[in-house]
N, C-alpha and C. Protein backbone atom coordinates (compact mmCIF):
# COMPACT_ATOMS: atom_id res chain seq x y z
N UNK A 1 12.84 62.13 -7.22
CA UNK A 1 14.21 62.40 -7.51
C UNK A 1 15.08 61.59 -6.55
N UNK A 2 16.12 61.03 -7.09
CA UNK A 2 17.06 60.28 -6.26
C UNK A 2 18.45 60.88 -6.42
N UNK A 3 19.20 60.90 -5.34
CA UNK A 3 20.54 61.46 -5.32
C UNK A 3 21.53 60.40 -4.88
N UNK A 4 22.71 60.40 -5.52
CA UNK A 4 23.80 59.50 -5.14
C UNK A 4 25.10 60.26 -5.25
N UNK A 5 26.03 59.94 -4.37
CA UNK A 5 27.37 60.51 -4.42
C UNK A 5 28.31 59.36 -4.68
N UNK A 6 28.97 59.38 -5.83
CA UNK A 6 29.77 58.25 -6.28
C UNK A 6 31.11 58.71 -6.82
N UNK A 7 32.04 57.77 -6.91
CA UNK A 7 33.28 58.07 -7.62
C UNK A 7 32.90 58.29 -9.09
N UNK A 8 33.74 58.95 -9.82
CA UNK A 8 33.44 59.22 -11.24
C UNK A 8 33.24 57.92 -12.01
N UNK A 9 34.08 56.92 -11.75
CA UNK A 9 33.95 55.64 -12.45
C UNK A 9 32.65 54.94 -12.08
N UNK A 10 32.29 54.98 -10.80
CA UNK A 10 31.04 54.34 -10.36
C UNK A 10 29.83 55.05 -10.97
N UNK A 11 29.88 56.37 -11.05
CA UNK A 11 28.77 57.12 -11.65
C UNK A 11 28.61 56.76 -13.12
N UNK A 12 29.72 56.65 -13.83
CA UNK A 12 29.68 56.26 -15.24
C UNK A 12 29.09 54.86 -15.38
N UNK A 13 29.48 53.95 -14.50
CA UNK A 13 28.96 52.58 -14.54
C UNK A 13 27.45 52.55 -14.27
N UNK A 14 26.99 53.35 -13.33
CA UNK A 14 25.56 53.41 -13.03
C UNK A 14 24.78 53.92 -14.23
N UNK A 15 25.27 54.99 -14.82
CA UNK A 15 24.59 55.56 -15.98
C UNK A 15 24.54 54.55 -17.12
N UNK A 16 25.67 53.91 -17.40
CA UNK A 16 25.72 52.95 -18.51
C UNK A 16 24.85 51.73 -18.26
N UNK A 17 24.71 51.31 -17.00
CA UNK A 17 23.91 50.11 -16.73
C UNK A 17 22.42 50.42 -16.58
N UNK A 18 22.08 51.50 -15.89
CA UNK A 18 20.67 51.81 -15.66
C UNK A 18 20.02 52.60 -16.79
N UNK A 19 20.83 53.40 -17.48
CA UNK A 19 20.28 54.27 -18.54
C UNK A 19 21.11 54.12 -19.81
N UNK A 20 21.13 52.92 -20.39
CA UNK A 20 22.00 52.67 -21.54
C UNK A 20 21.64 53.50 -22.79
N UNK A 21 20.42 53.96 -22.86
CA UNK A 21 20.00 54.74 -24.02
C UNK A 21 19.98 56.24 -23.76
N UNK A 22 20.55 56.64 -22.65
CA UNK A 22 20.57 58.06 -22.29
C UNK A 22 21.38 58.85 -23.32
N UNK A 23 20.79 59.94 -23.75
CA UNK A 23 21.44 60.82 -24.72
C UNK A 23 21.84 62.12 -24.02
N UNK A 24 23.00 62.64 -24.36
CA UNK A 24 23.49 63.89 -23.77
C UNK A 24 22.63 65.04 -24.27
N UNK A 25 22.24 65.89 -23.35
CA UNK A 25 21.53 67.12 -23.68
C UNK A 25 22.60 68.19 -23.84
N UNK A 26 23.01 68.42 -25.07
CA UNK A 26 24.19 69.25 -25.35
C UNK A 26 24.06 70.67 -24.82
N UNK A 27 22.97 71.34 -25.12
CA UNK A 27 22.83 72.74 -24.71
C UNK A 27 22.77 72.87 -23.19
N UNK A 28 21.97 72.03 -22.55
CA UNK A 28 21.89 72.07 -21.09
C UNK A 28 23.22 71.73 -20.45
N UNK A 29 23.90 70.72 -20.97
CA UNK A 29 25.21 70.32 -20.43
C UNK A 29 26.21 71.46 -20.56
N UNK A 30 26.22 72.10 -21.71
CA UNK A 30 27.16 73.21 -21.91
C UNK A 30 26.81 74.40 -21.02
N UNK A 31 25.54 74.69 -20.90
CA UNK A 31 25.10 75.84 -20.13
C UNK A 31 25.35 75.64 -18.63
N UNK A 32 25.11 74.44 -18.12
CA UNK A 32 25.23 74.18 -16.69
C UNK A 32 26.59 73.58 -16.30
N UNK A 33 27.46 73.36 -17.27
CA UNK A 33 28.78 72.80 -17.02
C UNK A 33 28.70 71.50 -16.22
N UNK A 34 27.86 70.59 -16.73
CA UNK A 34 27.65 69.29 -16.10
C UNK A 34 27.22 68.33 -17.21
N UNK A 35 27.06 67.07 -16.87
CA UNK A 35 26.55 66.11 -17.83
C UNK A 35 25.06 65.91 -17.55
N UNK A 36 24.24 66.37 -18.48
CA UNK A 36 22.81 66.20 -18.36
C UNK A 36 22.36 65.28 -19.48
N UNK A 37 21.65 64.25 -19.10
CA UNK A 37 21.27 63.20 -20.03
C UNK A 37 19.78 62.96 -19.95
N UNK A 38 19.23 62.40 -21.02
CA UNK A 38 17.82 62.05 -21.05
C UNK A 38 17.69 60.67 -21.65
N UNK A 39 17.14 59.76 -20.88
CA UNK A 39 16.83 58.43 -21.39
C UNK A 39 15.35 58.44 -21.74
N UNK A 40 15.08 58.60 -23.03
CA UNK A 40 13.70 58.73 -23.50
C UNK A 40 12.88 57.49 -23.15
N UNK A 41 13.45 56.32 -23.36
CA UNK A 41 12.72 55.07 -23.10
C UNK A 41 12.39 54.91 -21.62
N UNK A 42 13.32 55.28 -20.75
CA UNK A 42 13.10 55.16 -19.31
C UNK A 42 12.36 56.38 -18.75
N UNK A 43 12.15 57.38 -19.61
CA UNK A 43 11.48 58.63 -19.22
C UNK A 43 12.16 59.24 -17.99
N UNK A 44 13.49 59.29 -18.07
CA UNK A 44 14.28 59.74 -16.93
C UNK A 44 15.31 60.78 -17.35
N UNK A 45 15.42 61.82 -16.54
CA UNK A 45 16.42 62.87 -16.68
C UNK A 45 17.54 62.54 -15.70
N UNK A 46 18.78 62.60 -16.17
CA UNK A 46 19.95 62.27 -15.35
C UNK A 46 20.87 63.49 -15.31
N UNK A 47 21.23 63.90 -14.10
CA UNK A 47 22.06 65.08 -13.87
C UNK A 47 23.31 64.61 -13.14
N UNK A 48 24.46 64.73 -13.76
CA UNK A 48 25.72 64.30 -13.15
C UNK A 48 26.68 65.49 -13.12
N UNK A 49 27.12 65.83 -11.93
CA UNK A 49 28.01 66.98 -11.79
C UNK A 49 29.17 66.60 -10.87
N UNK A 50 30.37 67.05 -11.23
CA UNK A 50 31.55 66.81 -10.40
C UNK A 50 31.42 67.62 -9.12
N UNK A 51 31.80 67.01 -8.02
CA UNK A 51 31.71 67.70 -6.74
C UNK A 51 32.70 67.10 -5.75
N UNK A 52 32.88 67.80 -4.65
CA UNK A 52 33.72 67.30 -3.57
C UNK A 52 32.84 66.46 -2.65
N UNK A 53 33.29 65.24 -2.37
CA UNK A 53 32.56 64.35 -1.48
C UNK A 53 33.41 64.19 -0.22
N UNK A 54 32.86 64.64 0.89
CA UNK A 54 33.57 64.59 2.17
C UNK A 54 34.04 63.16 2.46
N UNK A 55 35.32 63.03 2.78
CA UNK A 55 35.88 61.73 3.12
C UNK A 55 36.30 60.90 1.92
N UNK A 56 35.95 61.34 0.72
CA UNK A 56 36.27 60.59 -0.49
C UNK A 56 37.13 61.38 -1.45
N UNK A 57 36.85 62.66 -1.56
CA UNK A 57 37.52 63.51 -2.53
C UNK A 57 36.58 63.84 -3.67
N UNK A 58 37.15 64.16 -4.81
CA UNK A 58 36.30 64.50 -5.94
C UNK A 58 35.56 63.28 -6.47
N UNK A 59 34.33 63.50 -6.82
CA UNK A 59 33.50 62.44 -7.36
C UNK A 59 32.36 63.05 -8.15
N UNK A 60 31.27 62.34 -8.23
CA UNK A 60 30.13 62.78 -9.02
C UNK A 60 28.86 62.72 -8.18
N UNK A 61 28.14 63.83 -8.17
CA UNK A 61 26.79 63.83 -7.59
C UNK A 61 25.87 63.49 -8.73
N UNK A 62 25.18 62.41 -8.59
CA UNK A 62 24.30 61.90 -9.64
C UNK A 62 22.87 61.94 -9.13
N UNK A 63 22.02 62.60 -9.88
CA UNK A 63 20.62 62.50 -9.49
C UNK A 63 19.76 62.32 -10.72
N UNK A 64 18.65 61.66 -10.47
CA UNK A 64 17.71 61.34 -11.55
C UNK A 64 16.34 61.87 -11.20
N UNK A 65 15.55 62.06 -12.24
CA UNK A 65 14.22 62.63 -12.08
C UNK A 65 13.35 62.12 -13.23
N UNK A 66 12.11 61.80 -12.92
CA UNK A 66 11.16 61.43 -13.98
C UNK A 66 10.90 62.66 -14.84
N UNK A 67 10.83 62.49 -16.16
CA UNK A 67 10.68 63.66 -17.04
C UNK A 67 9.39 64.42 -16.79
N UNK A 68 8.35 63.75 -16.32
CA UNK A 68 7.11 64.47 -16.06
C UNK A 68 7.27 65.45 -14.91
N UNK A 69 8.34 65.30 -14.12
CA UNK A 69 8.57 66.15 -12.96
C UNK A 69 9.80 67.03 -13.12
N UNK A 70 10.32 67.13 -14.33
CA UNK A 70 11.59 67.81 -14.54
C UNK A 70 11.54 69.30 -14.17
N UNK A 71 10.41 69.95 -14.33
CA UNK A 71 10.33 71.37 -13.99
C UNK A 71 10.37 71.60 -12.48
N UNK A 72 10.17 70.56 -11.69
CA UNK A 72 10.25 70.68 -10.24
C UNK A 72 11.66 70.39 -9.72
N UNK A 73 12.57 70.01 -10.60
CA UNK A 73 13.94 69.70 -10.19
C UNK A 73 14.64 71.01 -9.80
N UNK A 74 14.89 71.17 -8.51
CA UNK A 74 15.46 72.44 -8.03
C UNK A 74 16.88 72.67 -8.54
N UNK A 75 17.69 71.61 -8.66
CA UNK A 75 19.05 71.79 -9.16
C UNK A 75 19.04 72.29 -10.60
N UNK A 76 18.16 71.73 -11.40
CA UNK A 76 18.04 72.17 -12.78
C UNK A 76 17.56 73.62 -12.84
N UNK A 77 16.51 73.92 -12.09
CA UNK A 77 15.95 75.26 -12.12
C UNK A 77 16.94 76.31 -11.65
N UNK A 78 17.61 76.05 -10.53
CA UNK A 78 18.57 77.03 -10.02
C UNK A 78 19.77 77.16 -10.94
N UNK A 79 20.28 76.03 -11.42
CA UNK A 79 21.41 76.07 -12.34
C UNK A 79 21.08 76.80 -13.63
N UNK A 80 19.92 76.50 -14.20
CA UNK A 80 19.48 77.15 -15.43
C UNK A 80 19.33 78.65 -15.20
N UNK A 81 18.64 79.01 -14.14
CA UNK A 81 18.39 80.43 -13.87
C UNK A 81 19.68 81.20 -13.64
N UNK A 82 20.62 80.60 -12.93
CA UNK A 82 21.91 81.25 -12.67
C UNK A 82 22.71 81.38 -13.98
N UNK A 83 22.77 80.31 -14.76
CA UNK A 83 23.56 80.32 -16.00
C UNK A 83 22.94 81.20 -17.07
N UNK A 84 21.61 81.32 -17.08
CA UNK A 84 20.93 82.11 -18.11
C UNK A 84 21.30 83.59 -18.04
N UNK A 85 21.76 84.04 -16.88
CA UNK A 85 22.12 85.45 -16.71
C UNK A 85 23.31 85.84 -17.58
N UNK A 86 24.22 84.90 -17.83
CA UNK A 86 25.43 85.22 -18.58
C UNK A 86 25.57 84.45 -19.89
N UNK A 87 24.71 83.46 -20.11
CA UNK A 87 24.83 82.63 -21.31
C UNK A 87 24.30 83.35 -22.54
N UNK A 88 24.78 82.92 -23.68
CA UNK A 88 24.32 83.42 -24.96
C UNK A 88 22.82 83.09 -25.13
N UNK A 89 22.07 84.02 -25.71
CA UNK A 89 20.62 83.84 -25.88
C UNK A 89 20.29 82.58 -26.68
N UNK A 90 21.10 82.26 -27.68
CA UNK A 90 20.85 81.06 -28.49
C UNK A 90 21.03 79.79 -27.66
N UNK A 91 22.02 79.78 -26.78
CA UNK A 91 22.24 78.63 -25.91
C UNK A 91 21.08 78.47 -24.93
N UNK A 92 20.60 79.58 -24.38
CA UNK A 92 19.46 79.53 -23.45
C UNK A 92 18.23 78.98 -24.17
N UNK A 93 17.98 79.43 -25.39
CA UNK A 93 16.85 78.94 -26.17
C UNK A 93 16.97 77.45 -26.47
N UNK A 94 18.17 77.03 -26.85
CA UNK A 94 18.39 75.60 -27.15
C UNK A 94 18.21 74.76 -25.88
N UNK A 95 18.69 75.24 -24.74
CA UNK A 95 18.53 74.52 -23.48
C UNK A 95 17.05 74.45 -23.10
N UNK A 96 16.32 75.54 -23.29
CA UNK A 96 14.89 75.55 -23.00
C UNK A 96 14.16 74.55 -23.89
N UNK A 97 14.57 74.45 -25.14
CA UNK A 97 13.96 73.47 -26.04
C UNK A 97 14.19 72.05 -25.56
N UNK A 98 15.38 71.77 -25.04
CA UNK A 98 15.66 70.43 -24.52
C UNK A 98 14.76 70.10 -23.33
N UNK A 99 14.55 71.08 -22.46
CA UNK A 99 13.65 70.85 -21.32
C UNK A 99 12.23 70.66 -21.81
N UNK A 100 11.79 71.47 -22.76
CA UNK A 100 10.43 71.34 -23.29
C UNK A 100 10.21 69.97 -23.94
N UNK A 101 11.23 69.45 -24.60
CA UNK A 101 11.11 68.11 -25.19
C UNK A 101 10.86 67.07 -24.11
N UNK A 102 11.54 67.21 -22.96
CA UNK A 102 11.32 66.28 -21.86
C UNK A 102 9.93 66.46 -21.25
N UNK A 103 9.51 67.71 -21.08
CA UNK A 103 8.18 67.98 -20.54
C UNK A 103 7.12 67.37 -21.45
N UNK A 104 7.28 67.58 -22.74
CA UNK A 104 6.31 67.03 -23.71
C UNK A 104 6.28 65.51 -23.66
N UNK A 105 7.43 64.90 -23.50
CA UNK A 105 7.49 63.43 -23.42
C UNK A 105 6.82 62.91 -22.15
N UNK A 106 6.78 63.74 -21.13
CA UNK A 106 6.18 63.33 -19.87
C UNK A 106 4.69 63.60 -19.77
N UNK A 107 4.14 64.27 -20.78
CA UNK A 107 2.71 64.60 -20.77
C UNK A 107 1.94 63.54 -21.54
N UNK A 108 0.96 62.98 -20.87
CA UNK A 108 0.07 62.02 -21.54
C UNK A 108 -1.18 62.79 -21.96
N UNK A 109 -1.44 62.82 -23.26
CA UNK A 109 -2.60 63.56 -23.76
C UNK A 109 -3.21 62.83 -24.94
N UNK A 110 -4.48 63.11 -25.18
CA UNK A 110 -5.21 62.46 -26.26
C UNK A 110 -4.74 62.94 -27.63
N UNK A 111 -4.35 64.21 -27.71
CA UNK A 111 -3.91 64.76 -28.99
C UNK A 111 -2.96 65.93 -28.73
N UNK A 112 -2.43 66.51 -29.82
CA UNK A 112 -1.46 67.60 -29.69
C UNK A 112 -2.04 68.83 -29.00
N UNK A 113 -3.31 69.14 -29.27
CA UNK A 113 -3.93 70.31 -28.65
C UNK A 113 -4.02 70.13 -27.13
N UNK A 114 -4.41 68.95 -26.70
CA UNK A 114 -4.50 68.67 -25.26
C UNK A 114 -3.12 68.70 -24.63
N UNK A 115 -2.13 68.19 -25.32
CA UNK A 115 -0.76 68.21 -24.82
C UNK A 115 -0.27 69.64 -24.67
N UNK A 116 -0.56 70.48 -25.63
CA UNK A 116 -0.16 71.89 -25.57
C UNK A 116 -0.78 72.59 -24.36
N UNK A 117 -2.05 72.31 -24.09
CA UNK A 117 -2.72 72.89 -22.93
C UNK A 117 -2.05 72.41 -21.65
N UNK A 118 -1.74 71.12 -21.57
CA UNK A 118 -1.10 70.55 -20.38
C UNK A 118 0.29 71.15 -20.16
N UNK A 119 1.05 71.29 -21.23
CA UNK A 119 2.39 71.86 -21.12
C UNK A 119 2.31 73.31 -20.68
N UNK A 120 1.38 74.05 -21.24
CA UNK A 120 1.20 75.45 -20.85
C UNK A 120 0.86 75.55 -19.36
N UNK A 121 0.02 74.65 -18.87
CA UNK A 121 -0.34 74.64 -17.45
C UNK A 121 0.90 74.40 -16.58
N UNK A 122 1.76 73.48 -17.00
CA UNK A 122 2.99 73.20 -16.25
C UNK A 122 3.87 74.45 -16.20
N UNK A 123 3.94 75.15 -17.31
CA UNK A 123 4.83 76.32 -17.41
C UNK A 123 4.28 77.55 -16.70
N UNK A 124 3.04 77.48 -16.25
CA UNK A 124 2.45 78.59 -15.51
C UNK A 124 2.07 78.16 -14.09
N UNK A 125 2.69 77.10 -13.60
CA UNK A 125 2.40 76.59 -12.25
C UNK A 125 2.98 77.54 -11.20
N UNK A 126 2.68 77.25 -9.96
CA UNK A 126 3.20 78.06 -8.86
C UNK A 126 4.71 78.10 -8.81
N UNK A 127 5.37 77.00 -9.21
CA UNK A 127 6.84 76.98 -9.23
C UNK A 127 7.40 78.04 -10.16
N UNK A 128 6.65 78.36 -11.22
CA UNK A 128 7.13 79.30 -12.22
C UNK A 128 7.34 80.69 -11.64
N UNK A 129 6.65 81.00 -10.56
CA UNK A 129 6.74 82.34 -10.02
C UNK A 129 7.76 82.48 -8.90
N UNK A 130 8.40 81.40 -8.53
CA UNK A 130 9.46 81.48 -7.54
C UNK A 130 10.60 82.31 -8.12
N UNK A 131 11.09 83.31 -7.39
CA UNK A 131 12.15 84.17 -7.94
C UNK A 131 13.38 83.41 -8.43
N UNK A 132 13.75 82.34 -7.74
CA UNK A 132 14.94 81.60 -8.15
C UNK A 132 14.69 80.75 -9.39
N UNK A 133 13.45 80.48 -9.72
CA UNK A 133 13.11 79.66 -10.88
C UNK A 133 12.58 80.49 -12.05
N UNK A 134 12.26 81.73 -11.80
CA UNK A 134 11.61 82.57 -12.81
C UNK A 134 12.37 82.63 -14.14
N UNK A 135 13.70 82.81 -14.15
CA UNK A 135 14.39 82.86 -15.44
C UNK A 135 14.21 81.59 -16.28
N UNK A 136 14.23 80.43 -15.63
CA UNK A 136 14.04 79.19 -16.39
C UNK A 136 12.64 79.13 -16.97
N UNK A 137 11.64 79.41 -16.14
CA UNK A 137 10.27 79.33 -16.62
C UNK A 137 9.97 80.39 -17.67
N UNK A 138 10.56 81.57 -17.56
CA UNK A 138 10.38 82.59 -18.59
C UNK A 138 10.93 82.11 -19.93
N UNK A 139 12.10 81.47 -19.89
CA UNK A 139 12.70 80.93 -21.12
C UNK A 139 11.84 79.80 -21.68
N UNK A 140 11.32 78.95 -20.81
CA UNK A 140 10.47 77.85 -21.26
C UNK A 140 9.18 78.37 -21.89
N UNK A 141 8.57 79.37 -21.27
CA UNK A 141 7.33 79.93 -21.84
C UNK A 141 7.59 80.60 -23.18
N UNK A 142 8.71 81.29 -23.30
CA UNK A 142 9.05 81.93 -24.58
C UNK A 142 9.25 80.88 -25.68
N UNK A 143 9.94 79.80 -25.36
CA UNK A 143 10.15 78.75 -26.36
C UNK A 143 8.85 78.03 -26.69
N UNK A 144 7.99 77.82 -25.69
CA UNK A 144 6.69 77.18 -25.96
C UNK A 144 5.84 78.07 -26.88
N UNK A 145 5.89 79.37 -26.64
CA UNK A 145 5.14 80.30 -27.50
C UNK A 145 5.69 80.27 -28.92
N UNK A 146 7.02 80.21 -29.05
CA UNK A 146 7.63 80.14 -30.38
C UNK A 146 7.25 78.84 -31.09
N UNK A 147 7.21 77.74 -30.36
CA UNK A 147 6.81 76.47 -30.95
C UNK A 147 5.34 76.51 -31.38
N UNK A 148 4.50 77.08 -30.54
CA UNK A 148 3.07 77.14 -30.86
C UNK A 148 2.80 78.00 -32.08
N UNK A 149 3.52 79.12 -32.21
CA UNK A 149 3.29 79.99 -33.36
C UNK A 149 3.87 79.41 -34.64
N UNK A 150 4.86 78.52 -34.52
CA UNK A 150 5.47 77.90 -35.69
C UNK A 150 4.58 76.83 -36.30
N UNK A 151 3.63 76.32 -35.50
CA UNK A 151 2.77 75.24 -35.96
C UNK A 151 1.63 75.75 -36.77
């Protein structure tokens, strides 16, 4: 994960130049009140949030993460878990689906069955039991179970 503190214009320029194919993750962005993007080709998750930068004023905290490591992103986990307490259940489910799509894209597997096993292992890792991350992982496991039963 990399972090940068930039002016809003500079952050926009970085995103447009480094991640030109990044797509907005609508549910996550709405739920966390930030711009969350996913560049599928670059296999990168981009989190941009407005913040106060000492000595500069308002700007953007921009951080990126490889999609295979997205469940370890503490800002995402804490933000999701905090927002899930008050967000609409449909929004939480949609946001969990967006994260699962990134997790699935980051899993290299021989076939769908192997990928499902790998994703399930990620969703039951030690991070899943951290109290501050538990709401996010509970939502992810519920959505993974719904996806598995739909197949």
